[in-house]
Each structure stands twice: as C-alpha cells, then as structure tokens.
PDB file of N, CA and C in Angstrom:
ATOM      1  N   MET A   1    -107.838 123.368  53.567  1.00  0.00           N
ATOM      2  CA  MET A   1    -106.739 122.478  53.208  1.00  0.00           C
ATOM      3  C   MET A   1    -106.134 121.817  54.350  1.00  0.00           C
ATOM      4  N   TRP A   2    -106.015 120.544  54.363  1.00  0.00           N
ATOM      5  CA  TRP A   2    -105.443 119.778  55.448  1.00  0.00           C
ATOM      6  C   TRP A   2    -104.048 119.382  55.060  1.00  0.00           C
ATOM      7  N   ILE A   3    -103.088 119.482  56.037  1.00  0.00           N
ATOM      8  CA  ILE A   3    -101.710 119.098  55.865  1.00  0.00           C
ATOM      9  C   ILE A   3    -101.257 118.276  57.016  1.00  0.00           C
ATOM     10  N   VAL A   4    -100.245 117.382  56.722  1.00  0.00           N
ATOM     11  CA  VAL A   4     -99.684 116.595  57.827  1.00  0.00           C
ATOM     12  C   VAL A   4     -98.514 117.298  58.402  1.00  0.00           C
ATOM     13  N   MET A   5     -98.478 117.338  59.748  1.00  0.00           N
ATOM     14  CA  MET A   5     -97.363 117.950  60.489  1.00  0.00           C
ATOM     15  C   MET A   5     -96.794 116.954  61.458  1.00  0.00           C
ATOM     16  N   THR A   6     -95.476 117.041  61.662  1.00  0.00           N
ATOM     17  CA  THR A   6     -94.784 116.251  62.670  1.00  0.00           C
ATOM     18  C   THR A   6     -93.837 117.089  63.490  1.00  0.00           C
ATOM     19  N   SER A   7     -93.687 116.733  64.647  1.00  0.00           N
ATOM     20  CA  SER A   7     -92.633 117.441  65.546  1.00  0.00           C
ATOM     21  C   SER A   7     -92.124 116.409  66.623  1.00  0.00           C
ATOM     22  N   SER A   8     -91.073 116.754  67.229  1.00  0.00           N
ATOM     23  CA  SER A   8     -90.533 115.938  68.239  1.00  0.00           C
ATOM     24  C   SER A   8     -91.484 116.007  69.448  1.00  0.00           C
ATOM     25  N   ALA A   9     -91.735 114.905  70.084  1.00  0.00           N
ATOM     26  CA  ALA A   9     -92.534 114.799  71.234  1.00  0.00           C
ATOM     27  C   ALA A   9     -91.770 115.130  72.483  1.00  0.00           C
ATOM     28  N   ALA A  10     -92.532 115.845  73.391  1.00  0.00           N
ATOM     29  CA  ALA A  10     -91.895 116.152  74.722  1.00  0.00           C
ATOM     30  C   ALA A  10     -92.303 115.013  75.629  1.00  0.00           C
ATOM     31  N   MET A  11     -91.421 114.083  75.865  1.00  0.00           N
ATOM     32  CA  MET A  11     -91.757 112.904  76.663  1.00  0.00           C
ATOM     33  C   MET A  11     -90.879 113.018  77.906  1.00  0.00           C
ATOM     34  N   PRO A  12     -91.283 112.286  79.064  1.00  0.00           N
ATOM     35  CA  PRO A  12     -90.435 112.278  80.255  1.00  0.00           C
ATOM     36  C   PRO A  12     -89.134 111.560  80.019  1.00  0.00           C
ATOM     37  N   SER A  13     -88.167 111.782  80.815  1.00  0.00           N
ATOM     38  CA  SER A  13     -86.819 111.197  80.666  1.00  0.00           C
ATOM     39  C   SER A  13     -86.873 109.681  80.916  1.00  0.00           C
ATOM     40  N   SER A  14     -87.993 109.175  81.637  1.00  0.00           N
ATOM     41  CA  SER A  14     -88.038 107.716  81.854  1.00  0.00           C
ATOM     42  C   SER A  14     -88.390 106.973  80.557  1.00  0.00           C
ATOM     43  N   CYS A  15     -88.845 107.614  79.559  1.00  0.00           N
ATOM     44  CA  CYS A  15     -89.151 106.990  78.281  1.00  0.00           C
ATOM     45  C   CYS A  15     -87.953 106.807  77.443  1.00  0.00           C
ATOM     46  N   MET A  16     -87.574 105.540  77.180  1.00  0.00           N
ATOM     47  CA  MET A  16     -86.390 105.337  76.309  1.00  0.00           C
ATOM     48  C   MET A  16     -86.830 105.337  74.885  1.00  0.00           C
ATOM     49  N   GLY A  17     -85.938 105.890  74.073  1.00  0.00           N
ATOM     50  CA  GLY A  17     -86.164 105.913  72.576  1.00  0.00           C
ATOM     51  C   GLY A  17     -86.580 107.284  72.143  1.00  0.00           C
ATOM     52  N   THR A  18     -86.916 107.355  70.887  1.00  0.00           N
ATOM     53  CA  THR A  18     -87.318 108.580  70.230  1.00  0.00           C
ATOM     54  C   THR A  18     -88.790 108.626  69.969  1.00  0.00           C
ATOM     55  N   TYR A  19     -89.450 109.662  70.300  1.00  0.00           N
ATOM     56  CA  TYR A  19     -90.938 109.765  70.030  1.00  0.00           C
ATOM     57  C   TYR A  19     -91.135 110.997  69.199  1.00  0.00           C
ATOM     58  N   ARG A  20     -92.128 110.967  68.300  1.00  0.00           N
ATOM     59  CA  ARG A  20     -92.553 112.040  67.508  1.00  0.00           C
ATOM     60  C   ARG A  20     -94.018 112.242  67.549  1.00  0.00           C
ATOM     61  N   ARG A  21     -94.478 113.443  67.390  1.00  0.00           N
ATOM     62  CA  ARG A  21     -95.889 113.741  67.390  1.00  0.00           C
ATOM     63  C   ARG A  21     -96.381 113.848  65.939  1.00  0.00           C
ATOM     64  N   VAL A  22     -97.581 113.267  65.653  1.00  0.00           N
ATOM     65  CA  VAL A  22     -98.065 113.264  64.234  1.00  0.00           C
ATOM     66  C   VAL A  22     -99.514 113.906  64.385  1.00  0.00           C
ATOM     67  N   ALA A  23     -99.809 114.822  63.513  1.00  0.00           N
ATOM     68  CA  ALA A  23    -101.179 115.448  63.446  1.00  0.00           C
ATOM     69  C   ALA A  23    -101.568 115.860  62.028  1.00  0.00           C
ATOM     70  N   ILE A  24    -102.823 115.995  61.663  1.00  0.00           N
ATOM     71  CA  ILE A  24    -103.206 116.711  60.542  1.00  0.00           C
ATOM     72  C   ILE A  24    -103.810 117.974  60.943  1.00  0.00           C
ATOM     73  N   VAL A  25    -103.544 119.068  60.284  1.00  0.00           N
ATOM     74  CA  VAL A  25    -103.969 120.361  60.564  1.00  0.00           C
ATOM     75  C   VAL A  25    -104.752 120.960  59.420  1.00  0.00           C
ATOM     76  N   LYS A  26    -105.914 121.604  59.653  1.00  0.00           N
ATOM     77  CA  LYS A  26    -106.670 122.279  58.678  1.00  0.00           C
ATOM     78  C   LYS A  26    -106.232 123.798  58.668  1.00  0.00           C
ATOM     79  N   LEU A  27    -105.760 124.226  57.571  1.00  0.00           N
ATOM     80  CA  LEU A  27    -105.275 125.632  57.492  1.00  0.00           C
ATOM     81  C   LEU A  27    -106.403 126.610  56.994  1.00  0.00           C
ATOM     82  N   CYS A  28    -106.382 127.813  57.474  1.00  0.00           N
ATOM     83  CA  CYS A  28    -107.370 128.753  56.932  1.00  0.00           C
ATOM     84  C   CYS A  28    -106.951 129.081  55.462  1.00  0.00           C
ATOM     85  N   MET A  29    -107.838 129.741  54.758  1.00  0.00           N
ATOM     86  CA  MET A  29    -107.603 130.005  53.359  1.00  0.00           C
ATOM     87  C   MET A  29    -106.379 130.958  53.157  1.00  0.00           C
ATOM     88  N   ASP A  30    -106.240 131.902  53.993  1.00  0.00           N
ATOM     89  CA  ASP A  30    -105.113 132.769  53.810  1.00  0.00           C
ATOM     90  C   ASP A  30    -103.756 132.018  53.861  1.00  0.00           C
ATOM     91  N   TYR A  31    -103.641 131.143  54.856  1.00  0.00           N
ATOM     92  CA  TYR A  31    -102.372 130.492  54.952  1.00  0.00           C
ATOM     93  C   TYR A  31    -102.232 129.506  53.762  1.00  0.00           C
ATOM     94  N   ALA A  32    -103.339 128.905  53.352  1.00  0.00           N
ATOM     95  CA  ALA A  32    -103.291 127.902  52.310  1.00  0.00           C
ATOM     96  C   ALA A  32    -102.845 128.500  51.013  1.00  0.00           C
ATOM     97  N   LEU A  33    -103.475 129.640  50.664  1.00  0.00           N
ATOM     98  CA  LEU A  33    -103.054 130.348  49.398  1.00  0.00           C
ATOM     99  C   LEU A  33    -101.743 130.938  49.420  1.00  0.00           C
ATOM    100  N   ALA A  34    -101.265 131.357  50.584  1.00  0.00           N
ATOM    101  CA  ALA A  34     -99.842 131.913  50.657  1.00  0.00           C
ATOM    102  C   ALA A  34     -98.839 130.839  50.699  1.00  0.00           C
ATOM    103  N   GLY A  35     -99.204 129.533  50.890  1.00  0.00           N
ATOM    104  CA  GLY A  35     -98.230 128.512  51.033  1.00  0.00           C
ATOM    105  C   GLY A  35     -97.506 128.429  52.314  1.00  0.00           C
ATOM    106  N   LEU A  36     -98.051 128.992  53.349  1.00  0.00           N
ATOM    107  CA  LEU A  36     -97.405 128.997  54.662  1.00  0.00           C
ATOM    108  C   LEU A  36     -97.865 127.775  55.502  1.00  0.00           C
ATOM    109  N   GLU A  37     -97.022 127.485  56.496  1.00  0.00           N
ATOM    110  CA  GLU A  37     -97.286 126.401  57.381  1.00  0.00           C
ATOM    111  C   GLU A  37     -97.104 126.883  58.783  1.00  0.00           C
ATOM    112  N   PRO A  38     -98.057 126.415  59.767  1.00  0.00           N
ATOM    113  CA  PRO A  38     -97.978 126.887  61.134  1.00  0.00           C
ATOM    114  C   PRO A  38     -96.658 126.528  61.824  1.00  0.00           C
ATOM    115  N   LYS A  39     -96.284 127.269  62.800  1.00  0.00           N
ATOM    116  CA  LYS A  39     -94.994 126.989  63.497  1.00  0.00           C
ATOM    117  C   LYS A  39     -95.031 125.821  64.473  1.00  0.00           C
ATOM    118  N   MET A  40     -96.326 125.556  64.982  1.00  0.00           N
ATOM    119  CA  MET A  40     -96.475 124.530  66.009  1.00  0.00           C
ATOM    120  C   MET A  40     -97.791 123.731  65.710  1.00  0.00           C
ATOM    121  N   ILE A  41     -97.936 122.560  66.269  1.00  0.00           N
ATOM    122  CA  ILE A  41     -99.089 121.861  66.182  1.00  0.00           C
ATOM    123  C   ILE A  41     -99.986 122.140  67.373  1.00  0.00           C
ATOM    124  N   SER A  42    -100.832 123.101  67.187  1.00  0.00           N
ATOM    125  CA  SER A  42    -101.661 123.521  68.207  1.00  0.00           C
ATOM    126  C   SER A  42    -102.887 124.307  67.644  1.00  0.00           C
ATOM    127  N   ALA A  43    -104.033 124.206  68.263  1.00  0.00           N
ATOM    128  CA  ALA A  43    -105.199 124.874  67.761  1.00  0.00           C
ATOM    129  C   ALA A  43    -105.043 126.408  68.012  1.00  0.00           C
ATOM    130  N   ARG A  44    -104.069 126.842  68.764  1.00  0.00           N
ATOM    131  CA  ARG A  44    -103.855 128.299  69.025  1.00  0.00           C
ATOM    132  C   ARG A  44    -102.906 128.936  68.035  1.00  0.00           C
ATOM    133  N   ALA A  45    -102.333 128.100  67.244  1.00  0.00           N
ATOM    134  CA  ALA A  45    -101.329 128.508  66.225  1.00  0.00           C
ATOM    135  C   ALA A  45    -101.982 129.396  65.158  1.00  0.00           C
ATOM    136  N   ARG A  46    -101.311 130.354  64.680  1.00  0.00           N
ATOM    137  CA  ARG A  46    -101.837 131.318  63.682  1.00  0.00           C
ATOM    138  C   ARG A  46    -102.073 130.432  62.410  1.00  0.00           C
ATOM    139  N   GLY A  47    -103.256 130.610  61.793  1.00  0.00           N
ATOM    140  CA  GLY A  47    -103.613 129.993  60.549  1.00  0.00           C
ATOM    141  C   GLY A  47    -104.242 128.609  60.671  1.00  0.00           C
ATOM    142  N   VAL A  48    -104.447 128.179  61.938  1.00  0.00           N
ATOM    143  CA  VAL A  48    -105.053 126.787  62.153  1.00  0.00           C
ATOM    144  C   VAL A  48    -106.464 126.888  62.452  1.00  0.00           C
ATOM    145  N   GLU A  49    -107.276 126.111  61.736  1.00  0.00           N
ATOM    146  CA  GLU A  49    -108.751 126.128  62.005  1.00  0.00           C
ATOM    147  C   GLU A  49    -109.131 124.834  62.821  1.00  0.00           C
ATOM    148  N   ALA A  50    -108.551 123.747  62.482  1.00  0.00           N
ATOM    149  CA  ALA A  50    -108.915 122.413  63.193  1.00  0.00           C
ATOM    150  C   ALA A  50    -107.651 121.662  63.229  1.00  0.00           C
ATOM    151  N   ILE A  51    -107.723 120.570  64.088  1.00  0.00           N
ATOM    152  CA  ILE A  51    -106.521 119.737  64.277  1.00  0.00           C
ATOM    153  C   ILE A  51    -107.036 118.365  64.578  1.00  0.00           C
ATOM    154  N   ARG A  52    -106.320 117.300  64.064  1.00  0.00           N
ATOM    155  CA  ARG A  52    -106.613 115.905  64.356  1.00  0.00           C
ATOM    156  C   ARG A  52    -105.321 115.326  64.802  1.00  0.00           C
ATOM    157  N   ASP A  53    -105.172 115.001  66.023  1.00  0.00           N
ATOM    158  CA  ASP A  53    -103.855 114.641  66.612  1.00  0.00           C
ATOM    159  C   ASP A  53    -103.841 113.078  66.648  1.00  0.00           C
ATOM    160  N   TYR A  54    -102.745 112.515  66.202  1.00  0.00           N
ATOM    161  CA  TYR A  54    -102.465 111.102  66.255  1.00  0.00           C
ATOM    162  C   TYR A  54    -101.601 110.744  67.449  1.00  0.00           C
ATOM    163  N   GLY A  55    -101.239 111.603  68.306  1.00  0.00           N
ATOM    164  CA  GLY A  55    -100.480 111.394  69.445  1.00  0.00           C
ATOM    165  C   GLY A  55     -99.022 111.245  69.329  1.00  0.00           C
ATOM    166  N   HIS A  56     -98.361 110.781  70.351  1.00  0.00           N
ATOM    167  CA  HIS A  56     -96.946 110.633  70.472  1.00  0.00           C
ATOM    168  C   HIS A  56     -96.602 109.203  70.011  1.00  0.00           C
ATOM    169  N   GLN A  57     -95.702 109.001  69.002  1.00  0.00           N
ATOM    170  CA  GLN A  57     -95.488 107.706  68.460  1.00  0.00           C
ATOM    171  C   GLN A  57     -93.977 107.371  68.564  1.00  0.00           C
ATOM    172  N   ASN A  58     -93.680 106.184  68.832  1.00  0.00           N
ATOM    173  CA  ASN A  58     -92.327 105.667  68.919  1.00  0.00           C
ATOM    174  C   ASN A  58     -91.772 105.526  67.604  1.00  0.00           C
ATOM    175  N   VAL A  59     -90.570 106.036  67.359  1.00  0.00           N
ATOM    176  CA  VAL A  59     -89.836 105.956  66.082  1.00  0.00           C
ATOM    177  C   VAL A  59     -88.895 104.749  66.188  1.00  0.00           C
ATOM    178  N   GLY A  60     -89.304 103.804  65.302  1.00  0.00           N
ATOM    179  CA  GLY A  60     -88.488 102.542  65.268  1.00  0.00           C
ATOM    180  C   GLY A  60     -87.527 102.542  64.094  1.00  0.00           C
ATOM    181  N   LYS A  61     -86.965 101.329  63.812  1.00  0.00           N
ATOM    182  CA  LYS A  61     -86.061 101.231  62.748  1.00  0.00           C
ATOM    183  C   LYS A  61     -86.597 100.793  61.538  1.00  0.00           C
ATOM    184  N   THR A  62     -87.860 100.247  61.483  1.00  0.00           N
ATOM    185  CA  THR A  62     -88.445  99.643  60.254  1.00  0.00           C
ATOM    186  C   THR A  62     -89.704 100.494  59.845  1.00  0.00           C
ATOM    187  N   ALA A  63     -90.213 100.095  58.723  1.00  0.00           N
ATOM    188  CA  ALA A  63     -91.429 100.776  58.232  1.00  0.00           C
ATOM    189  C   ALA A  63     -92.720 100.358  58.984  1.00  0.00           C
ATOM    190  N   ARG A  64     -92.529  99.323  59.838  1.00  0.00           N
ATOM    191  CA  ARG A  64     -93.709  98.910  60.663  1.00  0.00           C
ATOM    192  C   ARG A  64     -93.785  99.559  62.009  1.00  0.00           C
ATOM    193  N   CYS A  65     -92.940 100.556  62.322  1.00  0.00           N
ATOM    194  CA  CYS A  65     -92.986 101.120  63.611  1.00  0.00           C
ATOM    195  C   CYS A  65     -94.186 102.037  63.729  1.00  0.00           C
ATOM    196  N   ALA A  66     -94.611 102.391  64.978  1.00  0.00           N
ATOM    197  CA  ALA A  66     -95.767 103.143  65.214  1.00  0.00           C
ATOM    198  C   ALA A  66     -95.748 104.501  64.606  1.00  0.00           C
ATOM    199  N   TYR A  67     -94.604 105.139  64.435  1.00  0.00           N
ATOM    200  CA  TYR A  67     -94.586 106.455  63.862  1.00  0.00           C
ATOM    201  C   TYR A  67     -94.860 106.334  62.304  1.00  0.00           C
ATOM    202  N   GLN A  68     -94.266 105.396  61.662  1.00  0.00           N
ATOM    203  CA  GLN A  68     -94.482 105.258  60.213  1.00  0.00           C
ATOM    204  C   GLN A  68     -95.905 104.854  59.844  1.00  0.00           C
ATOM    205  N   ARG A  69     -96.553 104.108  60.740  1.00  0.00           N
ATOM    206  CA  ARG A  69     -97.942 103.653  60.595  1.00  0.00           C
ATOM    207  C   ARG A  69     -98.824 104.970  60.750  1.00  0.00           C
ATOM    208  N   ALA A  70     -98.561 105.718  61.797  1.00  0.00           N
ATOM    209  CA  ALA A  70     -99.416 106.913  62.032  1.00  0.00           C
ATOM    210  C   ALA A  70     -99.145 107.979  60.946  1.00  0.00           C
ATOM    211  N   LEU A  71     -97.910 108.018  60.417  1.00  0.00           N
ATOM    212  CA  LEU A  71     -97.733 108.996  59.358  1.00  0.00           C
ATOM    213  C   LEU A  71     -98.477 108.573  58.089  1.00  0.00           C
ATOM    214  N   ALA A  72     -98.488 107.236  57.806  1.00  0.00           N
ATOM    215  CA  ALA A  72     -99.186 106.818  56.588  1.00  0.00           C
ATOM    216  C   ALA A  72    -100.682 107.076  56.737  1.00  0.00           C
ATOM    217  N   GLU A  73    -101.219 106.742  57.970  1.00  0.00           N
ATOM    218  CA  GLU A  73    -102.606 106.971  58.211  1.00  0.00           C
ATOM    219  C   GLU A  73    -103.000 108.451  58.141  1.00  0.00           C
ATOM    220  N   ALA A  74    -102.158 109.251  58.642  1.00  0.00           N
ATOM    221  CA  ALA A  74    -102.416 110.705  58.576  1.00  0.00           C
ATOM    222  C   ALA A  74    -102.374 111.288  57.158  1.00  0.00           C
ATOM    223  N   THR A  75    -101.500 110.748  56.337  1.00  0.00           N
ATOM    224  CA  THR A  75    -101.367 111.252  54.994  1.00  0.00           C
ATOM    225  C   THR A  75    -102.531 110.793  54.224  1.00  0.00           C
ATOM    226  N   ALA A  76    -103.008 109.544  54.412  1.00  0.00           N
ATOM    227  CA  ALA A  76    -104.210 109.104  53.771  1.00  0.00           C
ATOM    228  C   ALA A  76    -105.414 109.866  54.143  1.00  0.00           C
ATOM    229  N   GLU A  77    -105.642 110.200  55.397  1.00  0.00           N
ATOM    230  CA  GLU A  77    -106.685 110.947  55.883  1.00  0.00           C
ATOM    231  C   GLU A  77    -106.703 112.392  55.364  1.00  0.00           C
ATOM    232  N   ALA A  78    -105.532 113.000  55.397  1.00  0.00           N
ATOM    233  CA  ALA A  78    -105.418 114.390  54.864  1.00  0.00           C
ATOM    234  C   ALA A  78    -105.780 114.418  53.416  1.00  0.00           C
ATOM    235  N   SER A  79    -105.316 113.474  52.638  1.00  0.00           N
ATOM    236  CA  SER A  79    -105.637 113.457  51.186  1.00  0.00           C
ATOM    237  C   SER A  79    -107.106 113.138  50.949  1.00  0.00           C
ATOM    238  N   ARG A  80    -107.692 112.337  51.769  1.00  0.00           N
ATOM    239  CA  ARG A  80    -109.105 112.030  51.676  1.00  0.00           C
ATOM    240  C   ARG A  80    -110.026 113.251  52.014  1.00  0.00           C
ATOM    241  N   ARG A  81    -109.608 114.050  53.117  1.00  0.00           N
ATOM    242  CA  ARG A  81    -110.404 115.219  53.467  1.00  0.00           C
ATOM    243  C   ARG A  81    -110.215 116.249  52.398  1.00  0.00           C
ATOM    244  N   ASN A  82    -108.989 116.443  51.851  1.00  0.00           N
ATOM    245  CA  ASN A  82    -108.773 117.470  50.853  1.00  0.00           C
ATOM    246  C   ASN A  82    -109.582 117.086  49.584  1.00  0.00           C
ATOM    247  N   ARG A  83    -109.680 115.804  49.192  1.00  0.00           N
ATOM    248  CA  ARG A  83    -110.359 115.365  48.056  1.00  0.00           C
ATOM    249  C   ARG A  83    -111.908 115.527  48.227  1.00  0.00           C
ATOM    250  N   GLU A  84    -112.396 115.331  49.415  1.00  0.00           N
ATOM    251  CA  GLU A  84    -113.862 115.497  49.674  1.00  0.00           C
ATOM    252  C   GLU A  84    -114.238 116.908  50.001  1.00  0.00           C
ATOM    253  N   GLY A  85    -113.271 117.754  50.217  1.00  0.00           N
ATOM    254  CA  GLY A  85    -113.546 119.159  50.451  1.00  0.00           C
ATOM    255  C   GLY A  85    -114.071 119.399  51.941  1.00  0.00           C
ATOM    256  N   LEU A  86    -113.659 118.545  52.824  1.00  0.00           N
ATOM    257  CA  LEU A  86    -114.076 118.612  54.316  1.00  0.00           C
ATOM    258  C   LEU A  86    -113.325 119.748  55.014  1.00  0.00           C
TER     259      LEU A  86
END
C-alpha cells in the first residue's frame, strides 16, 4: 500500500520562505493492516519498503505553488500504484 507523506524540509537559513518535503511511501503489510504510519520519510523507517521522493517544494499562497503541484502529483501516483497493485 502506497501513502503520501509530507514533512517540513530542512533548508539552509539563506533560503527565504517555507519549504516542505513530499514523498510517497510503500508500507509493509503489517503496517498497512494495522493502520500505522511511519514516523519519518526514510527508507530506514520501520514499516517502509520503498520510497519515491518528490523533493523539497516551496509552499506558496496559491494552488499553483510547487508544493501543491507536487502533492497533487504524489496523490495521483499513489492512487495509481494502489489501483494497479504495484
């Protein structure tokens, strides 16, 4: 089962604005059946089998910002992979 996860991005202080990290994460069956979610976006996190990282995205004020676009793309990709059973 693939899920979409977001977290605040660790960016240098020279970057102005807010950045968030977007990724889709494949859960192992134990985590998926229990309804649990990993604590972090990492391949080393407990319950994670695979990861597809969309990177650090700038959070803007409109729906056209990079973060909203990446989130929409990640949601579509996760639902496609769940539907196809990948």
